[in-house]
Amino acid sequence: MIYPGLTPALRYNDIASPHPQCAIKPRTPVQANSSLLLLKAALSGQGIAWLPSYLISQHIDAGALVPLKLDGKYAYPMHSLYALYFPSKFRNPKVRSFIDFLVEENQPWNRWE
């Protein structure tokens, strides 16, 4: 199952290979621009989905989903997240708190490894 916005994310870096770029082109009948729809499809056994950890963590903890492990051979490409705001708004405690939250929640980690 694919989220079209993450199609470039289907390229992996093979750490052990002299030609590290590896691309996967899945044949899938399910393409959706809704991560919730892809989550529901994965939960109902429709296939493999690449979804953000904040969306799937409770389902992995409950045993409803199983994370795939690639034995440390592949590294996922990083995606950028940007926060745009007026400089004067940066001093606003609510804006600052939200930016701090984004930074904290988007650190590269995977607690299932």
PDB file of N, CA and C in Angstrom:
ATOM      1  N   MET A   1       0.853  -1.171   0.000  1.00  0.00           N
ATOM      2  CA  MET A   1       0.000   0.000   0.000  1.00  0.00           C
ATOM      3  C   MET A   1       0.894   1.228   0.000  1.00  0.00           C
ATOM      4  N   ILE A   2       0.510   2.220  -0.750  1.00  0.00           N
ATOM      5  CA  ILE A   2       1.371   3.386  -0.939  1.00  0.00           C
ATOM      6  C   ILE A   2       0.636   4.676  -0.638  1.00  0.00           C
ATOM      7  N   TYR A   3       1.338   5.567   0.018  1.00  0.00           N
ATOM      8  CA  TYR A   3       0.930   6.959   0.139  1.00  0.00           C
ATOM      9  C   TYR A   3       1.689   7.688  -0.958  1.00  0.00           C
ATOM     10  N   PRO A   4       1.002   8.191  -1.996  1.00  0.00           N
ATOM     11  CA  PRO A   4       1.709   8.764  -3.144  1.00  0.00           C
ATOM     12  C   PRO A   4       2.744   9.828  -2.788  1.00  0.00           C
ATOM     13  N   GLY A   5       2.533  10.595  -1.748  1.00  0.00           N
ATOM     14  CA  GLY A   5       3.489  11.628  -1.365  1.00  0.00           C
ATOM     15  C   GLY A   5       4.816  11.075  -0.891  1.00  0.00           C
ATOM     16  N   LEU A   6       4.863   9.797  -0.521  1.00  0.00           N
ATOM     17  CA  LEU A   6       6.103   9.181  -0.047  1.00  0.00           C
ATOM     18  C   LEU A   6       6.741   8.274  -1.082  1.00  0.00           C
ATOM     19  N   THR A   7       6.294   8.335  -2.319  1.00  0.00           N
ATOM     20  CA  THR A   7       6.859   7.467  -3.342  1.00  0.00           C
ATOM     21  C   THR A   7       8.379   7.555  -3.407  1.00  0.00           C
ATOM     22  N   PRO A   8       9.002   8.754  -3.325  1.00  0.00           N
ATOM     23  CA  PRO A   8      10.469   8.776  -3.309  1.00  0.00           C
ATOM     24  C   PRO A   8      11.059   8.046  -2.106  1.00  0.00           C
ATOM     25  N   ALA A   9      10.288   7.883  -1.041  1.00  0.00           N
ATOM     26  CA  ALA A   9      10.792   7.203   0.149  1.00  0.00           C
ATOM     27  C   ALA A   9      10.942   5.709  -0.081  1.00  0.00           C
ATOM     28  N   LEU A  10      10.493   5.209  -1.214  1.00  0.00           N
ATOM     29  CA  LEU A  10      10.664   3.798  -1.510  1.00  0.00           C
ATOM     30  C   LEU A  10      12.063   3.509  -2.042  1.00  0.00           C
ATOM     31  N   ARG A  11      12.915   4.479  -1.958  1.00  0.00           N
ATOM     32  CA  ARG A  11      14.322   4.295  -2.300  1.00  0.00           C
ATOM     33  C   ARG A  11      15.092   4.131  -0.982  1.00  0.00           C
ATOM     34  N   TYR A  12      15.871   3.076  -0.911  1.00  0.00           N
ATOM     35  CA  TYR A  12      16.622   2.776   0.300  1.00  0.00           C
ATOM     36  C   TYR A  12      18.107   2.905   0.028  1.00  0.00           C
ATOM     37  N   ASN A  13      18.859   3.099   1.059  1.00  0.00           N
ATOM     38  CA  ASN A  13      20.312   3.088   0.967  1.00  0.00           C
ATOM     39  C   ASN A  13      20.802   1.761   1.521  1.00  0.00           C
ATOM     40  N   ASP A  14      21.371   0.935   0.655  1.00  0.00           N
ATOM     41  CA  ASP A  14      21.930  -0.348   1.064  1.00  0.00           C
ATOM     42  C   ASP A  14      23.331  -0.085   1.598  1.00  0.00           C
ATOM     43  N   ILE A  15      23.474  -0.121   2.893  1.00  0.00           N
ATOM     44  CA  ILE A  15      24.718   0.253   3.561  1.00  0.00           C
ATOM     45  C   ILE A  15      25.873  -0.669   3.180  1.00  0.00           C
ATOM     46  N   ALA A  16      25.582  -1.948   2.929  1.00  0.00           N
ATOM     47  CA  ALA A  16      26.633  -2.927   2.672  1.00  0.00           C
ATOM     48  C   ALA A  16      27.052  -3.005   1.206  1.00  0.00           C
ATOM     49  N   SER A  17      26.356  -2.355   0.317  1.00  0.00           N
ATOM     50  CA  SER A  17      26.606  -2.494  -1.111  1.00  0.00           C
ATOM     51  C   SER A  17      27.527  -1.401  -1.640  1.00  0.00           C
ATOM     52  N   PRO A  18      28.374  -1.741  -2.638  1.00  0.00           N
ATOM     53  CA  PRO A  18      29.164  -0.687  -3.275  1.00  0.00           C
ATOM     54  C   PRO A  18      28.284   0.242  -4.121  1.00  0.00           C
ATOM     55  N   HIS A  19      27.105  -0.224  -4.484  1.00  0.00           N
ATOM     56  CA  HIS A  19      26.108   0.583  -5.200  1.00  0.00           C
ATOM     57  C   HIS A  19      24.918   0.747  -4.261  1.00  0.00           C
ATOM     58  N   PRO A  20      24.995   1.715  -3.357  1.00  0.00           N
ATOM     59  CA  PRO A  20      24.067   1.770  -2.233  1.00  0.00           C
ATOM     60  C   PRO A  20      22.612   2.105  -2.551  1.00  0.00           C
ATOM     61  N   GLN A  21      22.319   2.692  -3.696  1.00  0.00           N
ATOM     62  CA  GLN A  21      20.934   3.089  -3.938  1.00  0.00           C
ATOM     63  C   GLN A  21      20.114   1.889  -4.409  1.00  0.00           C
ATOM     64  N   CYS A  22      19.035   1.631  -3.748  1.00  0.00           N
ATOM     65  CA  CYS A  22      18.149   0.521  -4.059  1.00  0.00           C
ATOM     66  C   CYS A  22      16.734   1.073  -4.126  1.00  0.00           C
ATOM     67  N   ALA A  23      16.004   0.725  -5.160  1.00  0.00           N
ATOM     68  CA  ALA A  23      14.632   1.214  -5.294  1.00  0.00           C
ATOM     69  C   ALA A  23      13.666   0.039  -5.298  1.00  0.00           C
ATOM     70  N   ILE A  24      12.552   0.235  -4.658  1.00  0.00           N
ATOM     71  CA  ILE A  24      11.494  -0.768  -4.636  1.00  0.00           C
ATOM     72  C   ILE A  24      10.287  -0.179  -5.348  1.00  0.00           C
ATOM     73  N   LYS A  25       9.786  -0.896  -6.323  1.00  0.00           N
ATOM     74  CA  LYS A  25       8.594  -0.456  -7.049  1.00  0.00           C
ATOM     75  C   LYS A  25       7.495  -1.484  -6.786  1.00  0.00           C
ATOM     76  N   PRO A  26       6.730  -1.294  -5.729  1.00  0.00           N
ATOM     77  CA  PRO A  26       5.708  -2.283  -5.397  1.00  0.00           C
ATOM     78  C   PRO A  26       4.551  -2.260  -6.386  1.00  0.00           C
ATOM     79  N   ARG A  27       3.990  -3.428  -6.606  1.00  0.00           N
ATOM     80  CA  ARG A  27       2.764  -3.532  -7.392  1.00  0.00           C
ATOM     81  C   ARG A  27       1.632  -3.591  -6.378  1.00  0.00           C
ATOM     82  N   THR A  28       0.900  -2.552  -6.314  1.00  0.00           N
ATOM     83  CA  THR A  28      -0.131  -2.482  -5.288  1.00  0.00           C
ATOM     84  C   THR A  28      -1.424  -1.931  -5.852  1.00  0.00           C
ATOM     85  N   PRO A  29      -2.529  -2.535  -5.493  1.00  0.00           N
ATOM     86  CA  PRO A  29      -3.812  -1.988  -5.930  1.00  0.00           C
ATOM     87  C   PRO A  29      -4.279  -0.826  -5.056  1.00  0.00           C
ATOM     88  N   VAL A  30      -3.631  -0.622  -3.918  1.00  0.00           N
ATOM     89  CA  VAL A  30      -4.087   0.408  -2.986  1.00  0.00           C
ATOM     90  C   VAL A  30      -3.117   1.585  -3.002  1.00  0.00           C
ATOM     91  N   GLN A  31      -3.601   2.731  -3.445  1.00  0.00           N
ATOM     92  CA  GLN A  31      -2.872   3.992  -3.342  1.00  0.00           C
ATOM     93  C   GLN A  31      -3.845   4.993  -2.763  1.00  0.00           C
ATOM     94  N   ALA A  32      -3.428   5.682  -1.723  1.00  0.00           N
ATOM     95  CA  ALA A  32      -4.319   6.648  -1.084  1.00  0.00           C
ATOM     96  C   ALA A  32      -3.502   7.782  -0.500  1.00  0.00           C
ATOM     97  N   ASN A  33      -4.065   8.971  -0.531  1.00  0.00           N
ATOM     98  CA  ASN A  33      -3.383  10.107   0.086  1.00  0.00           C
ATOM     99  C   ASN A  33      -3.906  10.340   1.493  1.00  0.00           C
ATOM    100  N   SER A  34      -4.435   9.295   2.092  1.00  0.00           N
ATOM    101  CA  SER A  34      -4.921   9.345   3.470  1.00  0.00           C
ATOM    102  C   SER A  34      -4.193   8.282   4.282  1.00  0.00           C
ATOM    103  N   SER A  35      -3.369   8.713   5.209  1.00  0.00           N
ATOM    104  CA  SER A  35      -2.659   7.741   6.034  1.00  0.00           C
ATOM    105  C   SER A  35      -3.626   6.957   6.915  1.00  0.00           C
ATOM    106  N   LEU A  36      -4.753   7.553   7.273  1.00  0.00           N
ATOM    107  CA  LEU A  36      -5.749   6.819   8.069  1.00  0.00           C
ATOM    108  C   LEU A  36      -6.370   5.684   7.262  1.00  0.00           C
ATOM    109  N   LEU A  37      -6.619   5.914   5.978  1.00  0.00           N
ATOM    110  CA  LEU A  37      -7.149   4.860   5.120  1.00  0.00           C
ATOM    111  C   LEU A  37      -6.138   3.729   4.979  1.00  0.00           C
ATOM    112  N   LEU A  38      -4.866   4.078   4.787  1.00  0.00           N
ATOM    113  CA  LEU A  38      -3.828   3.054   4.690  1.00  0.00           C
ATOM    114  C   LEU A  38      -3.681   2.290   6.004  1.00  0.00           C
ATOM    115  N   LEU A  39      -3.820   2.988   7.125  1.00  0.00           N
ATOM    116  CA  LEU A  39      -3.767   2.323   8.425  1.00  0.00           C
ATOM    117  C   LEU A  39      -4.905   1.316   8.552  1.00  0.00           C
ATOM    118  N   LYS A  40      -6.120   1.722   8.195  1.00  0.00           N
ATOM    119  CA  LYS A  40      -7.269   0.807   8.273  1.00  0.00           C
ATOM    120  C   LYS A  40      -7.070  -0.400   7.367  1.00  0.00           C
ATOM    121  N   ALA A  41      -6.504  -0.173   6.182  1.00  0.00           N
ATOM    122  CA  ALA A  41      -6.242  -1.287   5.272  1.00  0.00           C
ATOM    123  C   ALA A  41      -5.209  -2.240   5.871  1.00  0.00           C
ATOM    124  N   ALA A  42      -4.151  -1.705   6.456  1.00  0.00           N
ATOM    125  CA  ALA A  42      -3.130  -2.554   7.083  1.00  0.00           C
ATOM    126  C   ALA A  42      -3.715  -3.324   8.263  1.00  0.00           C
ATOM    127  N   LEU A  43      -4.531  -2.664   9.061  1.00  0.00           N
ATOM    128  CA  LEU A  43      -5.150  -3.328  10.216  1.00  0.00           C
ATOM    129  C   LEU A  43      -6.105  -4.440   9.796  1.00  0.00           C
ATOM    130  N   SER A  44      -6.681  -4.316   8.602  1.00  0.00           N
ATOM    131  CA  SER A  44      -7.600  -5.358   8.130  1.00  0.00           C
ATOM    132  C   SER A  44      -6.879  -6.419   7.301  1.00  0.00           C
ATOM    133  N   GLY A  45      -5.541  -6.370   7.283  1.00  0.00           N
ATOM    134  CA  GLY A  45      -4.764  -7.409   6.629  1.00  0.00           C
ATOM    135  C   GLY A  45      -4.619  -7.263   5.132  1.00  0.00           C
ATOM    136  N   GLN A  46      -4.737  -6.059   4.612  1.00  0.00           N
ATOM    137  CA  GLN A  46      -4.672  -5.843   3.171  1.00  0.00           C
ATOM    138  C   GLN A  46      -3.251  -5.800   2.620  1.00  0.00           C
ATOM    139  N   GLY A  47      -2.256  -5.705   3.475  1.00  0.00           N
ATOM    140  CA  GLY A  47      -0.885  -5.679   2.973  1.00  0.00           C
ATOM    141  C   GLY A  47       0.051  -4.909   3.879  1.00  0.00           C
ATOM    142  N   ILE A  48       1.196  -4.555   3.325  1.00  0.00           N
ATOM    143  CA  ILE A  48       2.242  -3.835   4.041  1.00  0.00           C
ATOM    144  C   ILE A  48       2.078  -2.349   3.775  1.00  0.00           C
ATOM    145  N   ALA A  49       2.190  -1.557   4.812  1.00  0.00           N
ATOM    146  CA  ALA A  49       2.062  -0.104   4.667  1.00  0.00           C
ATOM    147  C   ALA A  49       3.226   0.573   5.373  1.00  0.00           C
ATOM    148  N   TRP A  50       3.721   1.632   4.786  1.00  0.00           N
ATOM    149  CA  TRP A  50       4.755   2.457   5.411  1.00  0.00           C
ATOM    150  C   TRP A  50       4.048   3.673   5.960  1.00  0.00           C
ATOM    151  N   LEU A  51       3.932   3.717   7.289  1.00  0.00           N
ATOM    152  CA  LEU A  51       3.181   4.780   7.951  1.00  0.00           C
ATOM    153  C   LEU A  51       4.027   5.409   9.048  1.00  0.00           C
ATOM    154  N   PRO A  52       3.733   6.650   9.415  1.00  0.00           N
ATOM    155  CA  PRO A  52       4.508   7.318  10.465  1.00  0.00           C
ATOM    156  C   PRO A  52       4.312   6.647  11.826  1.00  0.00           C
ATOM    157  N   SER A  53       5.375   6.635  12.615  1.00  0.00           N
ATOM    158  CA  SER A  53       5.336   5.950  13.910  1.00  0.00           C
ATOM    159  C   SER A  53       4.280   6.517  14.850  1.00  0.00           C
ATOM    160  N   TYR A  54       4.020   7.831  14.790  1.00  0.00           N
ATOM    161  CA  TYR A  54       3.008   8.387  15.691  1.00  0.00           C
ATOM    162  C   TYR A  54       1.623   7.818  15.400  1.00  0.00           C
ATOM    163  N   LEU A  55       1.409   7.325  14.190  1.00  0.00           N
ATOM    164  CA  LEU A  55       0.113   6.794  13.812  1.00  0.00           C
ATOM    165  C   LEU A  55      -0.018   5.314  14.149  1.00  0.00           C
ATOM    166  N   ILE A  56       1.085   4.590  14.136  1.00  0.00           N
ATOM    167  CA  ILE A  56       1.007   3.137  14.289  1.00  0.00           C
ATOM    168  C   ILE A  56       1.508   2.610  15.627  1.00  0.00           C
ATOM    169  N   SER A  57       2.136   3.452  16.440  1.00  0.00           N
ATOM    170  CA  SER A  57       2.774   2.961  17.669  1.00  0.00           C
ATOM    171  C   SER A  57       1.804   2.219  18.581  1.00  0.00           C
ATOM    172  N   GLN A  58       0.603   2.750  18.768  1.00  0.00           N
ATOM    173  CA  GLN A  58      -0.346   2.066  19.668  1.00  0.00           C
ATOM    174  C   GLN A  58      -0.773   0.720  19.094  1.00  0.00           C
ATOM    175  N   HIS A  59      -0.840   0.600  17.779  1.00  0.00           N
ATOM    176  CA  HIS A  59      -1.241  -0.658  17.149  1.00  0.00           C
ATOM    177  C   HIS A  59      -0.113  -1.687  17.205  1.00  0.00           C
ATOM    178  N   ILE A  60       1.129  -1.224  17.133  1.00  0.00           N
ATOM    179  CA  ILE A  60       2.265  -2.132  17.299  1.00  0.00           C
ATOM    180  C   ILE A  60       2.326  -2.606  18.743  1.00  0.00           C
ATOM    181  N   ASP A  61       2.152  -1.683  19.690  1.00  0.00           N
ATOM    182  CA  ASP A  61       2.167  -2.051  21.109  1.00  0.00           C
ATOM    183  C   ASP A  61       1.060  -3.048  21.444  1.00  0.00           C
ATOM    184  N   ALA A  62      -0.090  -2.925  20.768  1.00  0.00           N
ATOM    185  CA  ALA A  62      -1.224  -3.821  21.016  1.00  0.00           C
ATOM    186  C   ALA A  62      -1.094  -5.142  20.259  1.00  0.00           C
ATOM    187  N   GLY A  63      -0.105  -5.238  19.369  1.00  0.00           N
ATOM    188  CA  GLY A  63       0.086  -6.466  18.604  1.00  0.00           C
ATOM    189  C   GLY A  63      -0.754  -6.552  17.341  1.00  0.00           C
ATOM    190  N   ALA A  64      -1.463  -5.490  17.006  1.00  0.00           N
ATOM    191  CA  ALA A  64      -2.302  -5.494  15.803  1.00  0.00           C
ATOM    192  C   ALA A  64      -1.472  -5.310  14.535  1.00  0.00           C
ATOM    193  N   LEU A  65      -0.322  -4.660  14.651  1.00  0.00           N
ATOM    194  CA  LEU A  65       0.610  -4.494  13.538  1.00  0.00           C
ATOM    195  C   LEU A  65       1.982  -4.981  13.971  1.00  0.00           C
ATOM    196  N   VAL A  66       2.758  -5.428  13.015  1.00  0.00           N
ATOM    197  CA  VAL A  66       4.105  -5.923  13.287  1.00  0.00           C
ATOM    198  C   VAL A  66       5.086  -5.100  12.460  1.00  0.00           C
ATOM    199  N   PRO A  67       6.092  -4.501  13.090  1.00  0.00           N
ATOM    200  CA  PRO A  67       7.073  -3.741  12.308  1.00  0.00           C
ATOM    201  C   PRO A  67       7.987  -4.685  11.529  1.00  0.00           C
ATOM    202  N   LEU A  68       8.311  -4.303  10.317  1.00  0.00           N
ATOM    203  CA  LEU A  68       9.253  -5.084   9.521  1.00  0.00           C
ATOM    204  C   LEU A  68      10.663  -4.644   9.871  1.00  0.00           C
ATOM    205  N   LYS A  69      11.541  -5.608  10.033  1.00  0.00           N
ATOM    206  CA  LYS A  69      12.936  -5.296  10.340  1.00  0.00           C
ATOM    207  C   LYS A  69      13.790  -5.725   9.158  1.00  0.00           C
ATOM    208  N   LEU A  70      14.714  -4.877   8.799  1.00  0.00           N
ATOM    209  CA  LEU A  70      15.572  -5.146   7.649  1.00  0.00           C
ATOM    210  C   LEU A  70      16.992  -5.469   8.085  1.00  0.00           C
ATOM    211  N   ASP A  71      17.165  -5.960   9.296  1.00  0.00           N
ATOM    212  CA  ASP A  71      18.460  -6.388   9.837  1.00  0.00           C
ATOM    213  C   ASP A  71      19.543  -5.330   9.745  1.00  0.00           C
ATOM    214  N   GLY A  72      19.173  -4.067   9.817  1.00  0.00           N
ATOM    215  CA  GLY A  72      20.146  -2.993   9.788  1.00  0.00           C
ATOM    216  C   GLY A  72      20.825  -2.798   8.445  1.00  0.00           C
ATOM    217  N   LYS A  73      20.372  -3.532   7.424  1.00  0.00           N
ATOM    218  CA  LYS A  73      21.017  -3.448   6.117  1.00  0.00           C
ATOM    219  C   LYS A  73      20.615  -2.190   5.363  1.00  0.00           C
ATOM    220  N   TYR A  74      19.426  -1.718   5.580  1.00  0.00           N
ATOM    221  CA  TYR A  74      18.928  -0.575   4.829  1.00  0.00           C
ATOM    222  C   TYR A  74      18.700   0.617   5.742  1.00  0.00           C
ATOM    223  N   ALA A  75      18.928   1.781   5.210  1.00  0.00           N
ATOM    224  CA  ALA A  75      18.662   3.023   5.941  1.00  0.00           C
ATOM    225  C   ALA A  75      17.580   3.778   5.187  1.00  0.00           C
ATOM    226  N   TYR A  76      16.564   4.190   5.891  1.00  0.00           N
ATOM    227  CA  TYR A  76      15.488   4.943   5.262  1.00  0.00           C
ATOM    228  C   TYR A  76      15.930   6.380   5.033  1.00  0.00           C
ATOM    229  N   PRO A  77      15.543   6.954   3.919  1.00  0.00           N
ATOM    230  CA  PRO A  77      15.878   8.364   3.698  1.00  0.00           C
ATOM    231  C   PRO A  77      15.119   9.248   4.680  1.00  0.00           C
ATOM    232  N   MET A  78      15.734  10.327   5.047  1.00  0.00           N
ATOM    233  CA  MET A  78      15.103  11.265   5.971  1.00  0.00           C
ATOM    234  C   MET A  78      14.197  12.212   5.197  1.00  0.00           C
ATOM    235  N   HIS A  79      13.166  12.646   5.845  1.00  0.00           N
ATOM    236  CA  HIS A  79      12.261  13.634   5.270  1.00  0.00           C
ATOM    237  C   HIS A  79      12.345  14.889   6.122  1.00  0.00           C
ATOM    238  N   SER A  80      12.206  16.011   5.493  1.00  0.00           N
ATOM    239  CA  SER A  80      12.311  17.280   6.210  1.00  0.00           C
ATOM    240  C   SER A  80      10.945  17.773   6.649  1.00  0.00           C
ATOM    241  N   LEU A  81      10.945  18.468   7.753  1.00  0.00           N
ATOM    242  CA  LEU A  81       9.743  19.110   8.268  1.00  0.00           C
ATOM    243  C   LEU A  81      10.114  20.551   8.564  1.00  0.00           C
ATOM    244  N   TYR A  82       9.321  21.463   8.070  1.00  0.00           N
ATOM    245  CA  TYR A  82       9.609  22.882   8.241  1.00  0.00           C
ATOM    246  C   TYR A  82       8.461  23.563   8.975  1.00  0.00           C
ATOM    247  N   ALA A  83       8.791  24.500   9.833  1.00  0.00           N
ATOM    248  CA  ALA A  83       7.791  25.335  10.504  1.00  0.00           C
ATOM    249  C   ALA A  83       8.022  26.772  10.050  1.00  0.00           C
ATOM    250  N   LEU A  84       7.021  27.355   9.442  1.00  0.00           N
ATOM    251  CA  LEU A  84       7.113  28.742   8.988  1.00  0.00           C
ATOM    252  C   LEU A  84       6.288  29.621   9.913  1.00  0.00           C
ATOM    253  N   TYR A  85       6.879  30.714  10.340  1.00  0.00           N
ATOM    254  CA  TYR A  85       6.193  31.611  11.267  1.00  0.00           C
ATOM    255  C   TYR A  85       6.816  32.989  11.135  1.00  0.00           C
ATOM    256  N   PHE A  86       6.091  33.985  11.564  1.00  0.00           N
ATOM    257  CA  PHE A  86       6.627  35.342  11.585  1.00  0.00           C
ATOM    258  C   PHE A  86       7.615  35.448  12.741  1.00  0.00           C
ATOM    259  N   PRO A  87       8.749  36.115  12.551  1.00  0.00           N
ATOM    260  CA  PRO A  87       9.742  36.231  13.631  1.00  0.00           C
ATOM    261  C   PRO A  87       9.152  36.777  14.931  1.00  0.00           C
ATOM    262  N   SER A  88       8.231  37.689  14.836  1.00  0.00           N
ATOM    263  CA  SER A  88       7.640  38.244  16.059  1.00  0.00           C
ATOM    264  C   SER A  88       6.805  37.201  16.794  1.00  0.00           C
ATOM    265  N   LYS A  89       6.271  36.214  16.082  1.00  0.00           N
ATOM    266  CA  LYS A  89       5.448  35.177  16.709  1.00  0.00           C
ATOM    267  C   LYS A  89       6.294  34.144  17.450  1.00  0.00           C
ATOM    268  N   PHE A  90       7.603  34.111  17.156  1.00  0.00           N
ATOM    269  CA  PHE A  90       8.481  33.140  17.795  1.00  0.00           C
ATOM    270  C   PHE A  90       8.527  33.359  19.302  1.00  0.00           C
ATOM    271  N   ARG A  91       8.296  34.562  19.725  1.00  0.00           N
ATOM    272  CA  ARG A  91       8.316  34.865  21.163  1.00  0.00           C
ATOM    273  C   ARG A  91       7.019  34.449  21.860  1.00  0.00           C
ATOM    274  N   ASN A  92       6.005  34.159  21.079  1.00  0.00           N
ATOM    275  CA  ASN A  92       4.732  33.708  21.639  1.00  0.00           C
ATOM    276  C   ASN A  92       4.944  32.315  22.253  1.00  0.00           C
ATOM    277  N   PRO A  93       4.621  32.136  23.538  1.00  0.00           N
ATOM    278  CA  PRO A  93       4.859  30.846  24.199  1.00  0.00           C
ATOM    279  C   PRO A  93       4.147  29.673  23.523  1.00  0.00           C
ATOM    280  N   LYS A  94       2.970  29.907  22.960  1.00  0.00           N
ATOM    281  CA  LYS A  94       2.249  28.816  22.293  1.00  0.00           C
ATOM    282  C   LYS A  94       2.974  28.381  21.023  1.00  0.00           C
ATOM    283  N   VAL A  95       3.462  29.342  20.261  1.00  0.00           N
ATOM    284  CA  VAL A  95       4.200  29.022  19.039  1.00  0.00           C
ATOM    285  C   VAL A  95       5.505  28.319  19.394  1.00  0.00           C
ATOM    286  N   ARG A  96       6.223  28.844  20.371  1.00  0.00           N
ATOM    287  CA  ARG A  96       7.485  28.241  20.798  1.00  0.00           C
ATOM    288  C   ARG A  96       7.254  26.815  21.295  1.00  0.00           C
ATOM    289  N   SER A  97       6.204  26.615  22.057  1.00  0.00           N
ATOM    290  CA  SER A  97       5.887  25.290  22.577  1.00  0.00           C
ATOM    291  C   SER A  97       5.580  24.313  21.444  1.00  0.00           C
ATOM    292  N   PHE A  98       4.845  24.780  20.447  1.00  0.00           N
ATOM    293  CA  PHE A  98       4.510  23.922  19.316  1.00  0.00           C
ATOM    294  C   PHE A  98       5.764  23.554  18.521  1.00  0.00           C
ATOM    295  N   ILE A  99       6.648  24.506  18.299  1.00  0.00           N
ATOM    296  CA  ILE A  99       7.893  24.224  17.579  1.00  0.00           C
ATOM    297  C   ILE A  99       8.748  23.238  18.372  1.00  0.00           C
ATOM    298  N   ASP A 100       8.838  23.420  19.678  1.00  0.00           N
ATOM    299  CA  ASP A 100       9.580  22.476  20.518  1.00  0.00           C
ATOM    300  C   ASP A 100       8.984  21.072  20.418  1.00  0.00           C
ATOM    301  N   PHE A 101       7.650  20.993  20.401  1.00  0.00           N
ATOM    302  CA  PHE A 101       6.962  19.709  20.254  1.00  0.00           C
ATOM    303  C   PHE A 101       7.329  19.052  18.920  1.00  0.00           C
ATOM    304  N   LEU A 102       7.300  19.832  17.834  1.00  0.00           N
ATOM    305  CA  LEU A 102       7.648  19.287  16.518  1.00  0.00           C
ATOM    306  C   LEU A 102       9.072  18.745  16.497  1.00  0.00           C
ATOM    307  N   VAL A 103       9.989  19.479  17.087  1.00  0.00           N
ATOM    308  CA  VAL A 103      11.385  19.043  17.123  1.00  0.00           C
ATOM    309  C   VAL A 103      11.513  17.750  17.917  1.00  0.00           C
ATOM    310  N   GLU A 104      10.883  17.696  19.077  1.00  0.00           N
ATOM    311  CA  GLU A 104      10.978  16.510  19.930  1.00  0.00           C
ATOM    312  C   GLU A 104      10.346  15.284  19.280  1.00  0.00           C
ATOM    313  N   GLU A 105       9.188  15.448  18.675  1.00  0.00           N
ATOM    314  CA  GLU A 105       8.462  14.320  18.098  1.00  0.00           C
ATOM    315  C   GLU A 105       9.024  13.843  16.770  1.00  0.00           C
ATOM    316  N   ASN A 106       9.892  14.609  16.160  1.00  0.00           N
ATOM    317  CA  ASN A 106      10.406  14.236  14.847  1.00  0.00           C
ATOM    318  C   ASN A 106      11.882  13.889  14.860  1.00  0.00           C
ATOM    319  N   GLN A 107      12.378  13.465  16.006  1.00  0.00           N
ATOM    320  CA  GLN A 107      13.749  12.983  16.087  1.00  0.00           C
ATOM    321  C   GLN A 107      13.815  11.596  15.449  1.00  0.00           C
ATOM    322  N   PRO A 108      14.909  11.275  14.750  1.00  0.00           N
ATOM    323  CA  PRO A 108      15.012   9.945  14.147  1.00  0.00           C
ATOM    324  C   PRO A 108      15.209   8.878  15.225  1.00  0.00           C
ATOM    325  N   TRP A 109      14.233   8.016  15.382  1.00  0.00           N
ATOM    326  CA  TRP A 109      14.322   6.912  16.333  1.00  0.00           C
ATOM    327  C   TRP A 109      13.305   5.868  15.944  1.00  0.00           C
ATOM    328  N   ASN A 110      13.528   4.688  16.412  1.00  0.00           N
ATOM    329  CA  ASN A 110      12.586   3.607  16.194  1.00  0.00           C
ATOM    330  C   ASN A 110      12.661   2.706  17.410  1.00  0.00           C
ATOM    331  N   ARG A 111      11.671   2.773  18.249  1.00  0.00           N
ATOM    332  CA  ARG A 111      11.728   2.016  19.500  1.00  0.00           C
ATOM    333  C   ARG A 111      11.459   0.529  19.312  1.00  0.00           C
ATOM    334  N   TRP A 112      11.129   0.108  18.092  1.00  0.00           N
ATOM    335  CA  TRP A 112      10.835  -1.311  17.875  1.00  0.00           C
ATOM    336  C   TRP A 112      12.052  -2.088  17.431  1.00  0.00           C
ATOM    337  N   GLU A 113      13.204  -1.448  17.309  1.00  0.00           N
ATOM    338  CA  GLU A 113      14.403  -2.168  16.883  1.00  0.00           C
ATOM    339  C   GLU A 113      15.146  -2.713  18.074  1.00  0.00           C
TER     340      GLU A 113
END
